[in-house]
Amino acid sequence: MKTLNYITAFMLSLLTLTACNQAAKEEKKEVKPAAKVNDEVRLSKDQYRVTALQTGELEMRSLSNVIKANGAIDVPPENMVSISAPLGGYIKSYGLLPGQLIRKGQVIATIENPVFIDIQQEYLESQSRLEFLSLEYKRQEQLRKEDVNSAKTFQQVSSDYKMIQARMSGLEQKLSLIGINAKNLNSGKISKTSNLYSPINGFVTVSNATTGKYVNPTDVIFELANKSEMHLALNVYEKDADKIKVGQTIKFALANETAYNRNAKVFLIGKSTGTEGTVPVHCHLPDAGNPALFPGMYAKALIATTYQSVPSLPADAIVQSDGVDYIFIQTAAGTKGFTFKMIPVKKGIEQEGYVEVILPDNFNRQSAIVLKGAYTLLSAMKNVEE
């Protein structure tokens, strides 16, 4: 009886093990590798009508290789001026605001400084001394010719005369520096203020003036710019710099503009690169006096380098899947529907909504290519795969 129980237990264990192995095999049989993605999609007549696909042939178009660059409206260094008070002082009055037009020689500020009084006083005293020494020099010179006075006396007077001349010359330069005309001091009228004058025609870009404020000689009170020589300064990556030529016309737009409707012409290409690996490219502006343009305005440019006729398609005809670019061609059309095949391509030059396509070697250029609705076909293909 006990032996019979052992046999029964063994048989149950064997059946259980067999059942487990069979379940494992069935489970393993259900796990299959993913099917290979199909490169074709089929639409019924109704689907084709609803999607409103458009097909056409590959066309040859003259596209240019375009370099994109950023920069700003700029003016040459000689057309920008920083105004300071050479000897410092207090701002007595000013009448300039940023954006205000100015003309050369216009008074832009009045500076007050006690030092101005000392310089003028010293100049007038030296002028009187010069007049005296001038007469004395002539008298001693005549006496020396007659051998009446000693050579030492004449040399001393001559030295004093030359020293006072040098002092007068230096004081005249100081007066000119602070904006005071030395000739106006002949009347003996001394002023505690001096004027700052604009050295150029242009407009004010920066104003740091405040009435009563003390300014040091190194402080910039105004910054002025002459718009007549404004130009476009671009930064082009060094790998593209050799593709640009002097005299080349470019298209650019301001920061708030979408259309590149403004023109400029390259007149200077830098010979060294900056810290970001870019080369400066300077372009003339035909309308530099345009009131809408100001120094410092951000600009973006398109620089066309080469024109060539290449096989092209509208940008909407090219789709991307898993990092690869594709187009669709129509391979069949009949009562059962329409069939489209996905072809891998590479993109080249892009310009004005068209893209150069680099096709497989065995591609039939007479194929009907889907020009509109390519993304619809890609979505349909993805849905079928899922």
Protein backbone atom coordinates (compact mmCIF):
# COMPACT_ATOMS: atom_id res chain seq x y z
CA MET A 1 0.00 0.00 0.00
CA LYS A 2 2.84 2.33 0.85
CA THR A 3 4.51 1.52 -2.47
CA LEU A 4 1.35 2.48 -4.32
CA ASN A 5 1.33 5.88 -2.59
CA TYR A 6 4.94 6.53 -3.69
CA ILE A 7 4.11 5.70 -7.29
CA THR A 8 1.08 8.00 -7.24
CA ALA A 9 3.12 10.91 -5.82
CA PHE A 10 5.85 10.40 -8.44
CA MET A 11 3.34 10.47 -11.28
CA LEU A 12 1.74 13.68 -9.96
CA SER A 13 5.16 15.36 -9.76
CA LEU A 14 5.99 14.26 -13.30
CA LEU A 15 2.68 15.64 -14.64
CA THR A 16 3.22 18.91 -12.82
CA LEU A 17 6.74 19.30 -14.25
CA THR A 18 5.51 18.49 -17.76
CA ALA A 19 2.72 21.05 -17.45
CA CYS A 20 5.17 23.73 -16.28
CA ASN A 21 7.52 23.02 -19.19
CA GLN A 22 4.66 23.19 -21.64
CA ALA A 23 3.46 26.55 -20.21
CA ALA A 24 7.00 27.92 -20.42
CA LYS A 25 7.22 26.84 -24.07
CA GLU A 26 3.90 28.45 -24.89
CA GLU A 27 4.92 31.65 -23.13
CA LYS A 28 8.23 31.66 -24.97
CA LYS A 29 6.43 31.04 -28.23
CA GLU A 30 4.29 34.18 -27.74
CA VAL A 31 7.32 36.54 -27.35
CA LYS A 32 8.40 37.35 -30.91
CA PRO A 33 10.86 39.94 -32.18
CA ALA A 34 9.36 43.20 -33.57
CA ALA A 35 8.43 42.99 -37.20
CA LYS A 36 10.55 44.93 -39.67
CA VAL A 37 9.13 48.38 -40.36
CA ASN A 38 7.43 48.47 -43.74
CA ASP A 39 8.37 51.34 -46.08
CA GLU A 40 5.01 51.37 -47.87
CA VAL A 41 1.58 52.68 -46.95
CA ARG A 42 -1.70 52.06 -48.77
CA LEU A 43 -4.72 54.39 -48.85
CA SER A 44 -8.19 53.62 -50.05
CA LYS A 45 -9.89 55.93 -52.53
CA ASP A 46 -11.87 57.55 -49.73
CA GLN A 47 -8.74 58.05 -47.62
CA TYR A 48 -6.87 59.48 -50.58
CA ARG A 49 -9.65 61.94 -51.26
CA VAL A 50 -9.84 63.08 -47.62
CA THR A 51 -6.07 63.60 -47.24
CA ALA A 52 -5.94 65.83 -50.34
CA LEU A 53 -2.43 64.74 -51.28
CA GLN A 54 -0.59 66.56 -54.05
CA THR A 55 2.08 64.92 -56.18
CA GLY A 56 4.58 66.25 -58.67
CA GLU A 57 8.00 65.67 -60.14
CA LEU A 58 11.43 66.64 -58.94
CA GLU A 59 12.48 70.05 -60.28
CA MET A 60 15.80 71.75 -60.81
CA ARG A 61 16.06 75.10 -59.05
CA SER A 62 18.84 77.65 -58.72
CA LEU A 63 19.51 77.80 -54.97
CA SER A 64 22.24 79.68 -53.18
CA ASN A 65 24.26 78.48 -50.26
CA VAL A 66 23.30 80.89 -47.49
CA ILE A 67 25.39 81.83 -44.47
CA LYS A 68 23.52 83.16 -41.45
CA ALA A 69 25.21 85.82 -39.32
CA ASN A 70 24.34 88.14 -36.45
CA GLY A 71 25.64 91.57 -35.64
CA ALA A 72 24.65 95.17 -35.00
CA ILE A 73 24.49 98.62 -36.53
CA ASP A 74 27.77 100.34 -35.76
CA VAL A 75 29.71 103.51 -36.54
CA PRO A 76 33.47 103.91 -37.16
CA PRO A 77 35.58 104.93 -34.15
CA GLU A 78 36.30 108.32 -35.70
CA ASN A 79 32.55 109.02 -35.83
CA MET A 80 32.02 108.42 -32.11
CA VAL A 81 33.14 110.97 -29.52
CA SER A 82 33.19 110.91 -25.72
CA ILE A 83 32.98 114.37 -24.14
CA SER A 84 34.69 115.05 -20.79
CA ALA A 85 35.77 118.11 -18.82
CA PRO A 86 39.60 118.10 -19.22
CA LEU A 87 40.20 119.81 -15.87
CA GLY A 88 37.01 118.67 -14.13
CA GLY A 89 34.51 120.97 -12.45
CA TYR A 90 30.84 121.46 -11.69
CA ILE A 91 28.21 121.23 -14.43
CA LYS A 92 26.64 124.66 -14.50
CA SER A 93 24.19 124.05 -17.33
CA TYR A 94 23.54 121.71 -20.22
CA GLY A 95 20.83 121.30 -22.82
CA LEU A 96 21.26 117.91 -24.44
CA LEU A 97 19.16 114.78 -24.19
CA PRO A 98 19.82 111.32 -25.71
CA GLY A 99 18.74 111.29 -29.34
CA GLN A 100 19.02 115.06 -29.75
CA LEU A 101 20.66 116.29 -32.95
CA ILE A 102 23.72 118.52 -32.62
CA ARG A 103 25.99 120.44 -34.96
CA LYS A 104 29.74 120.92 -34.90
CA GLY A 105 30.79 123.83 -32.66
CA GLN A 106 27.54 123.87 -30.68
CA VAL A 107 27.80 124.51 -26.92
CA ILE A 108 26.74 121.30 -25.17
CA ALA A 109 27.55 122.15 -21.54
CA THR A 110 29.00 124.83 -19.25
CA ILE A 111 31.57 123.85 -16.60
CA GLU A 112 32.50 125.89 -13.53
CA ASN A 113 35.88 125.50 -11.81
CA PRO A 114 38.02 127.90 -9.67
CA VAL A 115 41.09 126.58 -11.48
CA PHE A 116 39.86 128.39 -14.60
CA ILE A 117 40.34 131.71 -12.76
CA ASP A 118 43.91 130.85 -11.79
CA ILE A 119 44.85 129.92 -15.35
CA GLN A 120 43.41 133.12 -16.81
CA GLN A 121 45.06 135.25 -14.12
CA GLU A 122 48.42 133.59 -14.74
CA TYR A 123 47.98 134.12 -18.47
CA LEU A 124 47.28 137.85 -18.09
CA GLU A 125 50.22 138.29 -15.72
CA SER A 126 52.51 136.40 -18.08
CA GLN A 127 51.27 138.50 -20.98
CA SER A 128 52.29 141.69 -19.17
CA ARG A 129 55.63 140.16 -18.27
CA LEU A 130 56.12 139.14 -21.92
CA GLU A 131 55.49 142.66 -23.13
CA PHE A 132 58.08 144.03 -20.71
CA LEU A 133 60.69 141.39 -21.57
CA SER A 134 60.08 141.89 -25.26
CA LEU A 135 61.06 145.56 -25.00
CA GLU A 136 63.92 144.77 -22.65
CA TYR A 137 65.25 142.11 -25.00
CA LYS A 138 65.29 144.53 -27.93
CA ARG A 139 67.04 147.22 -25.80
CA GLN A 140 69.70 144.85 -24.47
CA GLU A 141 70.21 143.44 -27.94
CA GLN A 142 70.93 146.94 -29.28
CA LEU A 143 73.25 147.71 -26.38
CA ARG A 144 75.11 144.49 -26.96
CA LYS A 145 75.65 145.40 -30.59
CA GLU A 146 77.19 148.67 -29.40
CA ASP A 147 79.20 146.74 -26.81
CA VAL A 148 77.75 148.86 -24.02
CA ASN A 149 76.40 146.06 -21.78
CA SER A 150 77.96 142.77 -20.87
CA ALA A 151 77.26 139.53 -22.67
CA LYS A 152 76.01 138.03 -19.42
CA THR A 153 73.32 140.68 -19.03
CA PHE A 154 72.04 140.11 -22.57
CA GLN A 155 72.03 136.34 -22.09
CA GLN A 156 70.00 136.65 -18.88
CA VAL A 157 67.37 138.85 -20.54
CA SER A 158 67.26 136.54 -23.56
CA SER A 159 66.70 133.52 -21.30
CA ASP A 160 63.90 135.24 -19.36
CA TYR A 161 62.26 136.29 -22.62
CA LYS A 162 62.26 132.77 -24.03
CA MET A 163 60.97 131.31 -20.76
CA ILE A 164 58.00 133.68 -20.68
CA GLN A 165 57.26 132.86 -24.31
CA ALA A 166 57.16 129.15 -23.45
CA ARG A 167 54.90 129.81 -20.47
CA MET A 168 52.53 131.87 -22.60
CA SER A 169 52.35 129.10 -25.20
CA GLY A 170 51.51 126.51 -22.51
CA LEU A 171 48.84 128.72 -20.93
CA GLU A 172 47.26 129.31 -24.33
CA GLN A 173 46.98 125.55 -24.81
CA LYS A 174 45.40 125.15 -21.36
CA LEU A 175 42.87 127.85 -22.17
CA SER A 176 42.10 126.16 -25.47
CA LEU A 177 41.69 122.85 -23.65
CA ILE A 178 39.02 124.23 -21.33
CA GLY A 179 37.26 126.11 -24.13
CA ILE A 180 38.40 129.69 -23.40
CA ASN A 181 39.71 131.84 -26.22
CA ALA A 182 42.94 133.57 -25.14
CA LYS A 183 42.24 136.54 -27.40
CA ASN A 184 39.12 137.34 -25.43
CA LEU A 185 41.22 137.87 -22.29
CA ASN A 186 42.92 140.96 -23.68
CA SER A 187 40.16 143.04 -22.14
CA GLY A 188 41.09 141.68 -18.72
CA LYS A 189 37.71 140.00 -18.16
CA ILE A 190 38.13 136.71 -16.30
CA SER A 191 35.44 134.01 -16.32
CA LYS A 192 34.92 131.23 -13.79
CA THR A 193 33.15 129.04 -16.35
CA SER A 194 34.05 127.48 -19.66
CA ASN A 195 32.02 125.87 -22.45
CA LEU A 196 32.23 122.38 -23.91
CA TYR A 197 31.68 122.32 -27.69
CA SER A 198 30.63 119.49 -30.00
CA PRO A 199 33.48 118.43 -32.32
CA ILE A 200 31.16 116.68 -34.82
CA ASN A 201 27.73 116.81 -36.43
CA GLY A 202 25.50 114.03 -35.18
CA PHE A 203 23.32 113.19 -32.23
CA VAL A 204 23.63 112.37 -28.53
CA THR A 205 23.78 108.68 -27.67
CA VAL A 206 24.54 108.96 -23.92
CA SER A 207 24.04 111.82 -21.47
CA ASN A 208 25.43 111.61 -17.93
CA ALA A 209 25.01 115.32 -17.18
CA THR A 210 23.24 116.63 -14.10
CA THR A 211 23.24 120.31 -13.12
CA GLY A 212 25.46 120.89 -10.08
CA LYS A 213 27.21 117.54 -10.40
CA TYR A 214 30.99 117.52 -10.03
CA VAL A 215 32.78 115.64 -12.80
CA ASN A 216 36.36 114.44 -12.86
CA PRO A 217 38.54 114.75 -15.96
CA THR A 218 38.07 111.02 -16.60
CA ASP A 219 34.25 111.10 -16.37
CA VAL A 220 32.31 110.84 -19.64
CA ILE A 221 29.60 113.49 -19.70
CA PHE A 222 28.26 112.90 -23.22
CA GLU A 223 28.73 110.38 -26.00
CA LEU A 224 28.09 111.65 -29.52
CA ALA A 225 27.81 109.78 -32.83
CA ASN A 226 27.74 110.77 -36.47
CA LYS A 227 25.18 108.64 -38.33
CA SER A 228 26.45 109.54 -41.79
CA GLU A 229 29.01 106.72 -41.69
CA MET A 230 26.93 104.02 -40.00
CA HIS A 231 27.58 100.48 -41.19
CA LEU A 232 26.57 96.91 -40.43
CA ALA A 233 29.07 94.93 -38.36
CA LEU A 234 28.54 91.15 -38.56
CA ASN A 235 30.20 88.20 -36.86
CA VAL A 236 30.78 85.26 -39.22
CA TYR A 237 32.17 81.88 -38.15
CA GLU A 238 35.72 81.41 -39.36
CA LYS A 239 34.79 78.30 -41.40
CA ASP A 240 32.51 80.49 -43.56
CA ALA A 241 34.66 83.63 -43.78
CA ASP A 242 36.53 82.52 -46.92
CA LYS A 243 33.22 82.20 -48.80
CA ILE A 244 32.48 85.93 -48.47
CA LYS A 245 33.92 88.50 -50.88
CA VAL A 246 34.37 92.28 -50.71
CA GLY A 247 31.66 94.00 -52.76
CA GLN A 248 29.14 91.23 -52.15
CA THR A 249 25.54 92.30 -51.48
CA ILE A 250 23.78 90.82 -48.47
CA LYS A 251 20.26 90.87 -47.04
CA PHE A 252 19.61 91.76 -43.41
CA ALA A 253 16.80 92.53 -40.99
CA LEU A 254 16.50 94.21 -37.62
CA ALA A 255 15.62 92.26 -34.48
CA ASN A 256 11.87 92.98 -34.72
CA GLU A 257 11.65 92.20 -38.45
CA THR A 258 10.93 88.84 -40.06
CA ALA A 259 11.58 89.69 -43.72
CA TYR A 260 15.14 90.27 -44.88
CA ASN A 261 14.34 93.33 -47.00
CA ARG A 262 17.32 95.56 -46.16
CA ASN A 263 20.49 95.60 -48.25
CA ALA A 264 24.14 96.15 -47.42
CA LYS A 265 27.44 95.64 -49.25
CA VAL A 266 30.59 94.06 -47.80
CA PHE A 267 33.57 96.46 -47.73
CA LEU A 268 35.88 94.91 -45.12
CA ILE A 269 36.56 91.36 -43.92
CA GLY A 270 38.59 90.91 -40.74
CA LYS A 271 41.89 89.04 -40.78
CA SER A 272 41.72 87.60 -37.26
CA THR A 273 39.21 85.66 -35.20
CA GLY A 274 37.61 86.68 -31.93
CA THR A 275 37.27 84.71 -28.71
CA GLU A 276 34.17 82.93 -30.06
CA GLY A 277 35.82 81.84 -33.30
CA THR A 278 34.17 84.51 -35.44
CA VAL A 279 35.53 86.93 -38.02
CA PRO A 280 34.22 90.55 -38.21
CA VAL A 281 32.61 91.50 -41.53
CA HIS A 282 31.75 95.18 -42.12
CA CYS A 283 29.13 96.25 -44.66
CA HIS A 284 28.16 99.65 -46.09
CA LEU A 285 24.56 100.78 -45.64
CA PRO A 286 23.08 102.58 -48.67
CA ASP A 287 20.58 104.33 -46.39
CA ALA A 288 22.89 105.11 -43.44
CA GLY A 289 20.95 108.32 -42.79
CA ASN A 290 17.71 106.42 -42.28
CA PRO A 291 16.09 107.84 -39.10
CA ALA A 292 14.93 104.32 -38.17
CA LEU A 293 18.53 103.10 -37.81
CA PHE A 294 20.64 103.80 -34.73
CA PRO A 295 24.03 102.56 -33.55
CA GLY A 296 23.76 99.47 -31.38
CA MET A 297 20.63 98.03 -33.01
CA TYR A 298 20.75 94.22 -33.29
CA ALA A 299 20.68 92.82 -36.83
CA LYS A 300 20.56 89.40 -38.50
CA ALA A 301 21.80 88.74 -42.01
CA LEU A 302 21.69 86.18 -44.82
CA ILE A 303 24.80 86.04 -47.00
CA ALA A 304 24.37 84.15 -50.30
CA THR A 305 27.68 82.63 -51.39
CA THR A 306 27.13 80.36 -54.43
CA TYR A 307 24.27 79.79 -56.86
CA GLN A 308 23.78 76.38 -58.46
CA SER A 309 20.97 74.42 -60.12
CA VAL A 310 20.13 71.45 -57.91
CA PRO A 311 17.26 68.92 -57.60
CA SER A 312 14.81 70.54 -55.22
CA LEU A 313 11.50 69.95 -53.50
CA PRO A 314 9.24 72.06 -51.28
CA ALA A 315 10.20 71.81 -47.61
CA ASP A 316 6.80 70.19 -46.83
CA ALA A 317 7.67 67.23 -49.08
CA ILE A 318 10.43 66.09 -46.71
CA VAL A 319 9.62 64.35 -43.43
CA GLN A 320 11.84 63.05 -40.68
CA SER A 321 11.58 59.79 -38.79
CA ASP A 322 14.12 58.50 -36.27
CA GLY A 323 16.59 61.16 -37.33
CA VAL A 324 16.45 60.27 -41.05
CA ASP A 325 14.90 62.43 -43.80
CA TYR A 326 12.42 60.81 -46.20
CA ILE A 327 10.19 61.59 -49.16
CA PHE A 328 7.18 59.60 -50.42
CA ILE A 329 6.68 58.49 -54.01
CA GLN A 330 3.49 57.06 -55.48
CA THR A 331 4.07 53.48 -56.67
CA ALA A 332 0.53 52.37 -57.56
CA ALA A 333 -2.94 53.76 -58.24
CA GLY A 334 -6.02 51.70 -59.09
CA THR A 335 -9.44 50.55 -58.05
CA LYS A 336 -8.08 49.04 -54.83
CA GLY A 337 -6.46 52.29 -53.74
CA PHE A 338 -3.13 54.09 -53.80
CA THR A 339 0.27 52.90 -52.64
CA PHE A 340 3.14 55.14 -51.52
CA LYS A 341 6.73 54.22 -50.74
CA MET A 342 9.09 56.00 -48.35
CA ILE A 343 12.53 56.87 -49.81
CA PRO A 344 15.49 58.04 -47.65
CA VAL A 345 17.15 61.27 -48.80
CA LYS A 346 19.60 63.87 -47.53
CA LYS A 347 18.95 67.60 -47.37
CA GLY A 348 21.28 70.20 -48.85
CA ILE A 349 20.79 73.91 -49.45
CA GLU A 350 17.59 75.42 -48.02
CA GLN A 351 16.22 78.68 -49.37
CA GLU A 352 12.83 80.38 -49.61
CA GLY A 353 10.78 77.28 -48.81
CA TYR A 354 12.70 74.90 -51.10
CA VAL A 355 15.28 72.29 -50.16
CA GLU A 356 17.97 70.58 -52.18
CA VAL A 357 17.53 66.78 -51.98
CA ILE A 358 20.34 64.27 -52.43
CA LEU A 359 18.67 61.11 -53.78
CA PRO A 360 19.71 57.43 -53.93
CA ASP A 361 21.65 56.47 -57.05
CA ASN A 362 18.89 54.24 -58.41
CA PHE A 363 16.11 56.80 -57.95
CA ASN A 364 13.83 57.37 -60.93
CA ARG A 365 13.56 61.14 -61.31
CA GLN A 366 10.29 60.78 -63.21
CA SER A 367 8.57 59.36 -60.11
CA ALA A 368 5.46 61.05 -58.75
CA ILE A 369 6.63 62.61 -55.48
CA VAL A 370 4.24 63.64 -52.72
CA LEU A 371 4.67 67.42 -52.47
CA LYS A 372 1.90 68.04 -49.96
CA GLY A 373 0.65 65.65 -47.29
CA ALA A 374 3.87 63.74 -46.60
CA TYR A 375 3.40 64.00 -42.84
CA THR A 376 -0.10 62.55 -43.20
CA LEU A 377 1.36 59.48 -44.92
CA LEU A 378 4.04 59.18 -42.22
CA SER A 379 1.37 59.27 -39.50
CA ALA A 380 -0.68 56.64 -41.33
CA MET A 381 2.37 54.41 -41.63
CA LYS A 382 3.14 54.76 -37.92
CA ASN A 383 -0.45 53.86 -37.00
CA VAL A 384 -0.33 50.74 -39.15
CA GLU A 385 2.92 49.64 -37.51
CA GLU A 386 1.47 50.11 -34.04
